[in-house]
Amino acid sequence: MKQGIHPKYYSDCQVSCACGNKFTTGSTVEKIEVDVCSKCHPFFTGQQKFVDIKGRIDKFKEKVAKGKATADAKDIKAKEKKSTKSN
């Protein structure tokens, strides 16, 4: 290995989850904070759980509603143009 180009390796990196679970692993950073771990992830627990980080689900729903409103407005304009052309 070349000297001076590799990051420092911490064999006792502390990982802490939002659920309160903590464990130690090896990493190039000293401390890691995660939102979901194997103790609280639905795949491992078998329980359905929505993990909404920073309102992303609400943000997505707003985007979809806005898109539908825009599409409806375009449809109305197209129908109005069609009716004015036929008159």
PDB file of N, CA and C in Angstrom:
ATOM      1  N   MET A   1       0.832  -1.184   0.000  1.00  0.00           N
ATOM      2  CA  MET A   1       0.000   0.000   0.000  1.00  0.00           C
ATOM      3  C   MET A   1       0.883   1.255   0.000  1.00  0.00           C
ATOM      4  N   LYS A   2       0.418   2.252  -0.713  1.00  0.00           N
ATOM      5  CA  LYS A   2       1.136   3.522  -0.705  1.00  0.00           C
ATOM      6  C   LYS A   2       0.901   4.227   0.627  1.00  0.00           C
ATOM      7  N   GLN A   3       1.896   4.915   1.082  1.00  0.00           N
ATOM      8  CA  GLN A   3       1.809   5.639   2.349  1.00  0.00           C
ATOM      9  C   GLN A   3       1.174   7.010   2.126  1.00  0.00           C
ATOM     10  N   GLY A   4       0.334   7.416   3.069  1.00  0.00           N
ATOM     11  CA  GLY A   4      -0.203   8.773   3.062  1.00  0.00           C
ATOM     12  C   GLY A   4      -1.438   8.992   2.204  1.00  0.00           C
ATOM     13  N   ILE A   5      -1.973   7.987   1.517  1.00  0.00           N
ATOM     14  CA  ILE A   5      -3.147   8.215   0.670  1.00  0.00           C
ATOM     15  C   ILE A   5      -4.407   7.554   1.230  1.00  0.00           C
ATOM     16  N   HIS A   6      -4.274   6.703   2.227  1.00  0.00           N
ATOM     17  CA  HIS A   6      -5.423   5.987   2.767  1.00  0.00           C
ATOM     18  C   HIS A   6      -5.957   6.689   4.009  1.00  0.00           C
ATOM     19  N   PRO A   7      -7.298   6.691   4.186  1.00  0.00           N
ATOM     20  CA  PRO A   7      -7.860   7.310   5.387  1.00  0.00           C
ATOM     21  C   PRO A   7      -7.559   6.465   6.623  1.00  0.00           C
ATOM     22  N   LYS A   8      -7.627   7.098   7.774  1.00  0.00           N
ATOM     23  CA  LYS A   8      -7.376   6.392   9.025  1.00  0.00           C
ATOM     24  C   LYS A   8      -8.530   5.423   9.288  1.00  0.00           C
ATOM     25  N   TYR A   9      -8.224   4.215   9.728  1.00  0.00           N
ATOM     26  CA  TYR A   9      -9.233   3.189   9.994  1.00  0.00           C
ATOM     27  C   TYR A   9      -9.463   3.079  11.497  1.00  0.00           C
ATOM     28  N   TYR A  10     -10.716   3.196  11.906  1.00  0.00           N
ATOM     29  CA  TYR A  10     -11.086   3.071  13.311  1.00  0.00           C
ATOM     30  C   TYR A  10     -11.743   1.708  13.511  1.00  0.00           C
ATOM     31  N   SER A  11     -11.112   0.847  14.254  1.00  0.00           N
ATOM     32  CA  SER A  11     -11.664  -0.496  14.477  1.00  0.00           C
ATOM     33  C   SER A  11     -12.753  -0.489  15.541  1.00  0.00           C
ATOM     34  N   ASP A  12     -12.904   0.614  16.259  1.00  0.00           N
ATOM     35  CA  ASP A  12     -13.930   0.698  17.291  1.00  0.00           C
ATOM     36  C   ASP A  12     -14.911   1.847  17.015  1.00  0.00           C
ATOM     37  N   CYS A  13     -15.406   1.915  15.778  1.00  0.00           N
ATOM     38  CA  CYS A  13     -16.381   2.930  15.376  1.00  0.00           C
ATOM     39  C   CYS A  13     -17.709   2.652  16.082  1.00  0.00           C
ATOM     40  N   GLN A  14     -18.266   3.679  16.727  1.00  0.00           N
ATOM     41  CA  GLN A  14     -19.519   3.535  17.463  1.00  0.00           C
ATOM     42  C   GLN A  14     -20.678   3.920  16.540  1.00  0.00           C
ATOM     43  N   VAL A  15     -21.615   2.975  16.318  1.00  0.00           N
ATOM     44  CA  VAL A  15     -22.795   3.218  15.493  1.00  0.00           C
ATOM     45  C   VAL A  15     -23.986   3.342  16.424  1.00  0.00           C
ATOM     46  N   SER A  16     -24.752   4.452  16.301  1.00  0.00           N
ATOM     47  CA  SER A  16     -25.938   4.629  17.131  1.00  0.00           C
ATOM     48  C   SER A  16     -27.148   4.870  16.230  1.00  0.00           C
ATOM     49  N   CYS A  17     -28.243   4.196  16.577  1.00  0.00           N
ATOM     50  CA  CYS A  17     -29.476   4.268  15.786  1.00  0.00           C
ATOM     51  C   CYS A  17     -30.467   5.194  16.489  1.00  0.00           C
ATOM     52  N   ALA A  18     -31.465   5.671  15.739  1.00  0.00           N
ATOM     53  CA  ALA A  18     -32.497   6.528  16.303  1.00  0.00           C
ATOM     54  C   ALA A  18     -33.358   5.773  17.319  1.00  0.00           C
ATOM     55  N   CYS A  19     -33.421   4.439  17.201  1.00  0.00           N
ATOM     56  CA  CYS A  19     -34.217   3.637  18.136  1.00  0.00           C
ATOM     57  C   CYS A  19     -33.499   3.431  19.467  1.00  0.00           C
ATOM     58  N   GLY A  20     -32.244   3.809  19.563  1.00  0.00           N
ATOM     59  CA  GLY A  20     -31.483   3.665  20.798  1.00  0.00           C
ATOM     60  C   GLY A  20     -30.471   2.539  20.770  1.00  0.00           C
ATOM     61  N   ASN A  21     -30.483   1.717  19.743  1.00  0.00           N
ATOM     62  CA  ASN A  21     -29.536   0.610  19.626  1.00  0.00           C
ATOM     63  C   ASN A  21     -28.142   1.158  19.310  1.00  0.00           C
ATOM     64  N   LYS A  22     -27.133   0.571  19.949  1.00  0.00           N
ATOM     65  CA  LYS A  22     -25.737   0.966  19.694  1.00  0.00           C
ATOM     66  C   LYS A  22     -24.898  -0.278  19.511  1.00  0.00           C
ATOM     67  N   PHE A  23     -23.934  -0.214  18.584  1.00  0.00           N
ATOM     68  CA  PHE A  23     -23.004  -1.311  18.381  1.00  0.00           C
ATOM     69  C   PHE A  23     -21.701  -0.773  17.824  1.00  0.00           C
ATOM     70  N   THR A  24     -20.677  -1.613  17.838  1.00  0.00           N
ATOM     71  CA  THR A  24     -19.344  -1.222  17.399  1.00  0.00           C
ATOM     72  C   THR A  24     -18.972  -1.973  16.128  1.00  0.00           C
ATOM     73  N   THR A  25     -18.315  -1.263  15.213  1.00  0.00           N
ATOM     74  CA  THR A  25     -17.864  -1.861  13.955  1.00  0.00           C
ATOM     75  C   THR A  25     -16.578  -1.157  13.527  1.00  0.00           C
ATOM     76  N   GLY A  26     -16.036  -1.537  12.408  1.00  0.00           N
ATOM     77  CA  GLY A  26     -14.857  -0.882  11.868  1.00  0.00           C
ATOM     78  C   GLY A  26     -15.243   0.056  10.745  1.00  0.00           C
ATOM     79  N   SER A  27     -14.630   1.226  10.694  1.00  0.00           N
ATOM     80  CA  SER A  27     -14.965   2.202   9.665  1.00  0.00           C
ATOM     81  C   SER A  27     -13.853   3.244   9.549  1.00  0.00           C
ATOM     82  N   THR A  28     -13.991   4.109   8.563  1.00  0.00           N
ATOM     83  CA  THR A  28     -13.020   5.197   8.389  1.00  0.00           C
ATOM     84  C   THR A  28     -13.478   6.464   9.091  1.00  0.00           C
ATOM     85  N   VAL A  29     -14.640   6.413   9.763  1.00  0.00           N
ATOM     86  CA  VAL A  29     -15.108   7.525  10.582  1.00  0.00           C
ATOM     87  C   VAL A  29     -15.257   7.041  12.021  1.00  0.00           C
ATOM     88  N   GLU A  30     -15.138   7.950  12.984  1.00  0.00           N
ATOM     89  CA  GLU A  30     -15.168   7.559  14.390  1.00  0.00           C
ATOM     90  C   GLU A  30     -16.563   7.232  14.896  1.00  0.00           C
ATOM     91  N   LYS A  31     -17.566   7.985  14.434  1.00  0.00           N
ATOM     92  CA  LYS A  31     -18.920   7.827  14.953  1.00  0.00           C
ATOM     93  C   LYS A  31     -19.926   7.911  13.807  1.00  0.00           C
ATOM     94  N   ILE A  32     -20.909   6.990  13.789  1.00  0.00           N
ATOM     95  CA  ILE A  32     -21.938   6.968  12.749  1.00  0.00           C
ATOM     96  C   ILE A  32     -23.300   7.011  13.428  1.00  0.00           C
ATOM     97  N   GLU A  33     -24.203   7.861  12.919  1.00  0.00           N
ATOM     98  CA  GLU A  33     -25.573   7.920  13.415  1.00  0.00           C
ATOM     99  C   GLU A  33     -26.495   7.535  12.262  1.00  0.00           C
ATOM    100  N   VAL A  34     -27.349   6.512  12.492  1.00  0.00           N
ATOM    101  CA  VAL A  34     -28.259   6.022  11.461  1.00  0.00           C
ATOM    102  C   VAL A  34     -29.699   6.164  11.933  1.00  0.00           C
ATOM    103  N   ASP A  35     -30.646   6.173  10.975  1.00  0.00           N
ATOM    104  CA  ASP A  35     -32.059   6.286  11.298  1.00  0.00           C
ATOM    105  C   ASP A  35     -32.693   4.915  11.519  1.00  0.00           C
ATOM    106  N   VAL A  36     -32.210   3.903  10.798  1.00  0.00           N
ATOM    107  CA  VAL A  36     -32.791   2.567  10.871  1.00  0.00           C
ATOM    108  C   VAL A  36     -31.668   1.544  10.979  1.00  0.00           C
ATOM    109  N   CYS A  37     -31.824   0.573  11.873  1.00  0.00           N
ATOM    110  CA  CYS A  37     -30.825  -0.485  12.031  1.00  0.00           C
ATOM    111  C   CYS A  37     -31.525  -1.845  11.977  1.00  0.00           C
ATOM    112  N   SER A  38     -30.778  -2.915  12.180  1.00  0.00           N
ATOM    113  CA  SER A  38     -31.354  -4.255  12.100  1.00  0.00           C
ATOM    114  C   SER A  38     -32.323  -4.545  13.245  1.00  0.00           C
ATOM    115  N   LYS A  39     -32.265  -3.777  14.322  1.00  0.00           N
ATOM    116  CA  LYS A  39     -33.181  -3.981  15.457  1.00  0.00           C
ATOM    117  C   LYS A  39     -34.552  -3.348  15.207  1.00  0.00           C
ATOM    118  N   CYS A  40     -34.613  -2.333  14.342  1.00  0.00           N
ATOM    119  CA  CYS A  40     -35.888  -1.638  14.127  1.00  0.00           C
ATOM    120  C   CYS A  40     -36.351  -1.649  12.664  1.00  0.00           C
ATOM    121  N   HIS A  41     -35.567  -2.215  11.749  1.00  0.00           N
ATOM    122  CA  HIS A  41     -35.958  -2.255  10.340  1.00  0.00           C
ATOM    123  C   HIS A  41     -37.083  -3.273  10.135  1.00  0.00           C
ATOM    124  N   PRO A  42     -38.124  -2.920   9.361  1.00  0.00           N
ATOM    125  CA  PRO A  42     -39.260  -3.824   9.157  1.00  0.00           C
ATOM    126  C   PRO A  42     -38.881  -5.176   8.552  1.00  0.00           C
ATOM    127  N   PHE A  43     -37.853  -5.242   7.747  1.00  0.00           N
ATOM    128  CA  PHE A  43     -37.447  -6.518   7.150  1.00  0.00           C
ATOM    129  C   PHE A  43     -37.019  -7.504   8.230  1.00  0.00           C
ATOM    130  N   PHE A  44     -36.321  -7.033   9.234  1.00  0.00           N
ATOM    131  CA  PHE A  44     -35.817  -7.905  10.290  1.00  0.00           C
ATOM    132  C   PHE A  44     -36.833  -8.122  11.407  1.00  0.00           C
ATOM    133  N   THR A  45     -37.703  -7.126  11.673  1.00  0.00           N
ATOM    134  CA  THR A  45     -38.667  -7.245  12.766  1.00  0.00           C
ATOM    135  C   THR A  45     -39.975  -7.882  12.318  1.00  0.00           C
ATOM    136  N   GLY A  46     -40.292  -7.800  11.040  1.00  0.00           N
ATOM    137  CA  GLY A  46     -41.548  -8.363  10.531  1.00  0.00           C
ATOM    138  C   GLY A  46     -42.740  -7.461  10.761  1.00  0.00           C
ATOM    139  N   GLN A  47     -42.524  -6.254  11.220  1.00  0.00           N
ATOM    140  CA  GLN A  47     -43.605  -5.309  11.469  1.00  0.00           C
ATOM    141  C   GLN A  47     -43.604  -4.223  10.401  1.00  0.00           C
ATOM    142  N   GLN A  48     -44.804  -3.869   9.937  1.00  0.00           N
ATOM    143  CA  GLN A  48     -44.941  -2.796   8.959  1.00  0.00           C
ATOM    144  C   GLN A  48     -44.704  -1.469   9.660  1.00  0.00           C
ATOM    145  N   LYS A  49     -43.843  -0.648   9.101  1.00  0.00           N
ATOM    146  CA  LYS A  49     -43.519   0.629   9.719  1.00  0.00           C
ATOM    147  C   LYS A  49     -43.128   1.606   8.627  1.00  0.00           C
ATOM    148  N   PHE A  50     -43.713   2.802   8.663  1.00  0.00           N
ATOM    149  CA  PHE A  50     -43.340   3.833   7.704  1.00  0.00           C
ATOM    150  C   PHE A  50     -42.274   4.707   8.335  1.00  0.00           C
ATOM    151  N   VAL A  51     -41.170   4.841   7.644  1.00  0.00           N
ATOM    152  CA  VAL A  51     -40.084   5.682   8.117  1.00  0.00           C
ATOM    153  C   VAL A  51     -40.113   6.955   7.281  1.00  0.00           C
ATOM    154  N   ASP A  52     -40.646   8.004   7.866  1.00  0.00           N
ATOM    155  CA  ASP A  52     -40.762   9.272   7.159  1.00  0.00           C
ATOM    156  C   ASP A  52     -39.677  10.206   7.669  1.00  0.00           C
ATOM    157  N   ILE A  53     -38.648  10.364   6.867  1.00  0.00           N
ATOM    158  CA  ILE A  53     -37.527  11.203   7.245  1.00  0.00           C
ATOM    159  C   ILE A  53     -37.725  12.575   6.627  1.00  0.00           C
ATOM    160  N   LYS A  54     -37.840  13.563   7.474  1.00  0.00           N
ATOM    161  CA  LYS A  54     -37.955  14.962   7.052  1.00  0.00           C
ATOM    162  C   LYS A  54     -39.175  15.210   6.168  1.00  0.00           C
ATOM    163  N   GLY A  55     -40.284  14.495   6.387  1.00  0.00           N
ATOM    164  CA  GLY A  55     -41.520  14.744   5.658  1.00  0.00           C
ATOM    165  C   GLY A  55     -41.477  14.384   4.188  1.00  0.00           C
ATOM    166  N   ARG A  56     -40.690  13.397   3.819  1.00  0.00           N
ATOM    167  CA  ARG A  56     -40.547  13.046   2.401  1.00  0.00           C
ATOM    168  C   ARG A  56     -41.833  12.475   1.817  1.00  0.00           C
ATOM    169  N   ILE A  57     -42.589  11.729   2.614  1.00  0.00           N
ATOM    170  CA  ILE A  57     -43.839  11.163   2.112  1.00  0.00           C
ATOM    171  C   ILE A  57     -44.825  12.281   1.825  1.00  0.00           C
ATOM    172  N   ASP A  58     -44.949  13.229   2.760  1.00  0.00           N
ATOM    173  CA  ASP A  58     -45.853  14.365   2.557  1.00  0.00           C
ATOM    174  C   ASP A  58     -45.421  15.195   1.357  1.00  0.00           C
ATOM    175  N   LYS A  59     -44.127  15.380   1.219  1.00  0.00           N
ATOM    176  CA  LYS A  59     -43.590  16.144   0.094  1.00  0.00           C
ATOM    177  C   LYS A  59     -43.946  15.456  -1.233  1.00  0.00           C
ATOM    178  N   PHE A  60     -43.829  14.122  -1.257  1.00  0.00           N
ATOM    179  CA  PHE A  60     -44.163  13.378  -2.469  1.00  0.00           C
ATOM    180  C   PHE A  60     -45.651  13.497  -2.787  1.00  0.00           C
ATOM    181  N   LYS A  61     -46.509  13.371  -1.765  1.00  0.00           N
ATOM    182  CA  LYS A  61     -47.953  13.488  -1.976  1.00  0.00           C
ATOM    183  C   LYS A  61     -48.328  14.866  -2.514  1.00  0.00           C
ATOM    184  N   GLU A  62     -47.675  15.915  -2.009  1.00  0.00           N
ATOM    185  CA  GLU A  62     -47.925  17.264  -2.511  1.00  0.00           C
ATOM    186  C   GLU A  62     -47.537  17.383  -3.982  1.00  0.00           C
ATOM    187  N   LYS A  63     -46.401  16.766  -4.344  1.00  0.00           N
ATOM    188  CA  LYS A  63     -45.936  16.803  -5.726  1.00  0.00           C
ATOM    189  C   LYS A  63     -46.927  16.115  -6.659  1.00  0.00           C
ATOM    190  N   VAL A  64     -47.442  14.957  -6.223  1.00  0.00           N
ATOM    191  CA  VAL A  64     -48.406  14.213  -7.034  1.00  0.00           C
ATOM    192  C   VAL A  64     -49.688  15.020  -7.203  1.00  0.00           C
ATOM    193  N   ALA A  65     -50.180  15.634  -6.127  1.00  0.00           N
ATOM    194  CA  ALA A  65     -51.396  16.444  -6.201  1.00  0.00           C
ATOM    195  C   ALA A  65     -51.197  17.641  -7.134  1.00  0.00           C
ATOM    196  N   LYS A  66     -50.042  18.270  -7.048  1.00  0.00           N
ATOM    197  CA  LYS A  66     -49.736  19.415  -7.907  1.00  0.00           C
ATOM    198  C   LYS A  66     -49.690  18.979  -9.373  1.00  0.00           C
ATOM    199  N   GLY A  67     -49.100  17.811  -9.637  1.00  0.00           N
ATOM    200  CA  GLY A  67     -49.033  17.285 -10.995  1.00  0.00           C
ATOM    201  C   GLY A  67     -50.410  16.995 -11.567  1.00  0.00           C
ATOM    202  N   LYS A  68     -51.293  16.427 -10.736  1.00  0.00           N
ATOM    203  CA  LYS A  68     -52.668  16.150 -11.184  1.00  0.00           C
ATOM    204  C   LYS A  68     -53.414  17.442 -11.475  1.00  0.00           C
ATOM    205  N   ALA A  69     -53.213  18.449 -10.634  1.00  0.00           N
ATOM    206  CA  ALA A  69     -53.875  19.736 -10.851  1.00  0.00           C
ATOM    207  C   ALA A  69     -53.405  20.370 -12.158  1.00  0.00           C
ATOM    208  N   THR A  70     -52.129  20.281 -12.431  1.00  0.00           N
ATOM    209  CA  THR A  70     -51.573  20.824 -13.670  1.00  0.00           C
ATOM    210  C   THR A  70     -52.127  20.072 -14.876  1.00  0.00           C
ATOM    211  N   ALA A  71     -52.212  18.756 -14.774  1.00  0.00           N
ATOM    212  CA  ALA A  71     -52.744  17.954 -15.878  1.00  0.00           C
ATOM    213  C   ALA A  71     -54.211  18.273 -16.122  1.00  0.00           C
ATOM    214  N   ASP A  72     -54.985  18.451 -15.046  1.00  0.00           N
ATOM    215  CA  ASP A  72     -56.403  18.801 -15.188  1.00  0.00           C
ATOM    216  C   ASP A  72     -56.561  20.171 -15.849  1.00  0.00           C
ATOM    217  N   ALA A  73     -55.723  21.116 -15.456  1.00  0.00           N
ATOM    218  CA  ALA A  73     -55.792  22.453 -16.041  1.00  0.00           C
ATOM    219  C   ALA A  73     -55.468  22.405 -17.532  1.00  0.00           C
ATOM    220  N   LYS A  74     -54.493  21.590 -17.922  1.00  0.00           N
ATOM    221  CA  LYS A  74     -54.141  21.455 -19.336  1.00  0.00           C
ATOM    222  C   LYS A  74     -55.287  20.833 -20.125  1.00  0.00           C
ATOM    223  N   ASP A  75     -55.951  19.839 -19.523  1.00  0.00           N
ATOM    224  CA  ASP A  75     -57.093  19.202 -20.188  1.00  0.00           C
ATOM    225  C   ASP A  75     -58.223  20.202 -20.409  1.00  0.00           C
ATOM    226  N   ILE A  76     -58.488  21.033 -19.424  1.00  0.00           N
ATOM    227  CA  ILE A  76     -59.553  22.042 -19.539  1.00  0.00           C
ATOM    228  C   ILE A  76     -59.221  23.038 -20.639  1.00  0.00           C
ATOM    229  N   LYS A  77     -57.970  23.490 -20.688  1.00  0.00           N
ATOM    230  CA  LYS A  77     -57.557  24.435 -21.730  1.00  0.00           C
ATOM    231  C   LYS A  77     -57.675  23.812 -23.115  1.00  0.00           C
ATOM    232  N   ALA A  78     -57.293  22.533 -23.225  1.00  0.00           N
ATOM    233  CA  ALA A  78     -57.377  21.854 -24.516  1.00  0.00           C
ATOM    234  C   ALA A  78     -58.830  21.730 -24.964  1.00  0.00           C
ATOM    235  N   LYS A  79     -59.738  21.435 -24.050  1.00  0.00           N
ATOM    236  CA  LYS A  79     -61.165  21.327 -24.384  1.00  0.00           C
ATOM    237  C   LYS A  79     -61.728  22.681 -24.800  1.00  0.00           C
ATOM    238  N   GLU A  80     -61.298  23.752 -24.112  1.00  0.00           N
ATOM    239  CA  GLU A  80     -61.758  25.093 -24.458  1.00  0.00           C
ATOM    240  C   GLU A  80     -61.287  25.492 -25.846  1.00  0.00           C
ATOM    241  N   LYS A  81     -60.024  25.180 -26.175  1.00  0.00           N
ATOM    242  CA  LYS A  81     -59.503  25.487 -27.507  1.00  0.00           C
ATOM    243  C   LYS A  81     -60.276  24.725 -28.569  1.00  0.00           C
ATOM    244  N   LYS A  82     -60.552  23.478 -28.288  1.00  0.00           N
ATOM    245  CA  LYS A  82     -61.259  22.626 -29.238  1.00  0.00           C
ATOM    246  C   LYS A  82     -62.675  23.155 -29.490  1.00  0.00           C
ATOM    247  N   SER A  83     -63.343  23.593 -28.407  1.00  0.00           N
ATOM    248  CA  SER A  83     -64.705  24.107 -28.553  1.00  0.00           C
ATOM    249  C   SER A  83     -64.724  25.449 -29.268  1.00  0.00           C
ATOM    250  N   THR A  84     -63.703  26.284 -29.075  1.00  0.00           N
ATOM    251  CA  THR A  84     -63.670  27.581 -29.763  1.00  0.00           C
ATOM    252  C   THR A  84     -63.327  27.408 -31.228  1.00  0.00           C
ATOM    253  N   LYS A  85     -62.549  26.409 -31.585  1.00  0.00           N
ATOM    254  CA  LYS A  85     -62.197  26.157 -32.987  1.00  0.00           C
ATOM    255  C   LYS A  85     -63.395  25.626 -33.752  1.00  0.00           C
ATOM    256  N   SER A  86     -64.227  24.820 -33.091  1.00  0.00           N
ATOM    257  CA  SER A  86     -65.367  24.235 -33.785  1.00  0.00           C
ATOM    258  C   SER A  86     -66.491  25.262 -33.989  1.00  0.00           C
ATOM    259  N   ASN A  87     -66.492  26.369 -33.248  1.00  0.00           N
ATOM    260  CA  ASN A  87     -67.524  27.407 -33.401  1.00  0.00           C
ATOM    261  C   ASN A  87     -67.204  28.332 -34.478  1.00  0.00           C
TER     262      ASN A  87
END
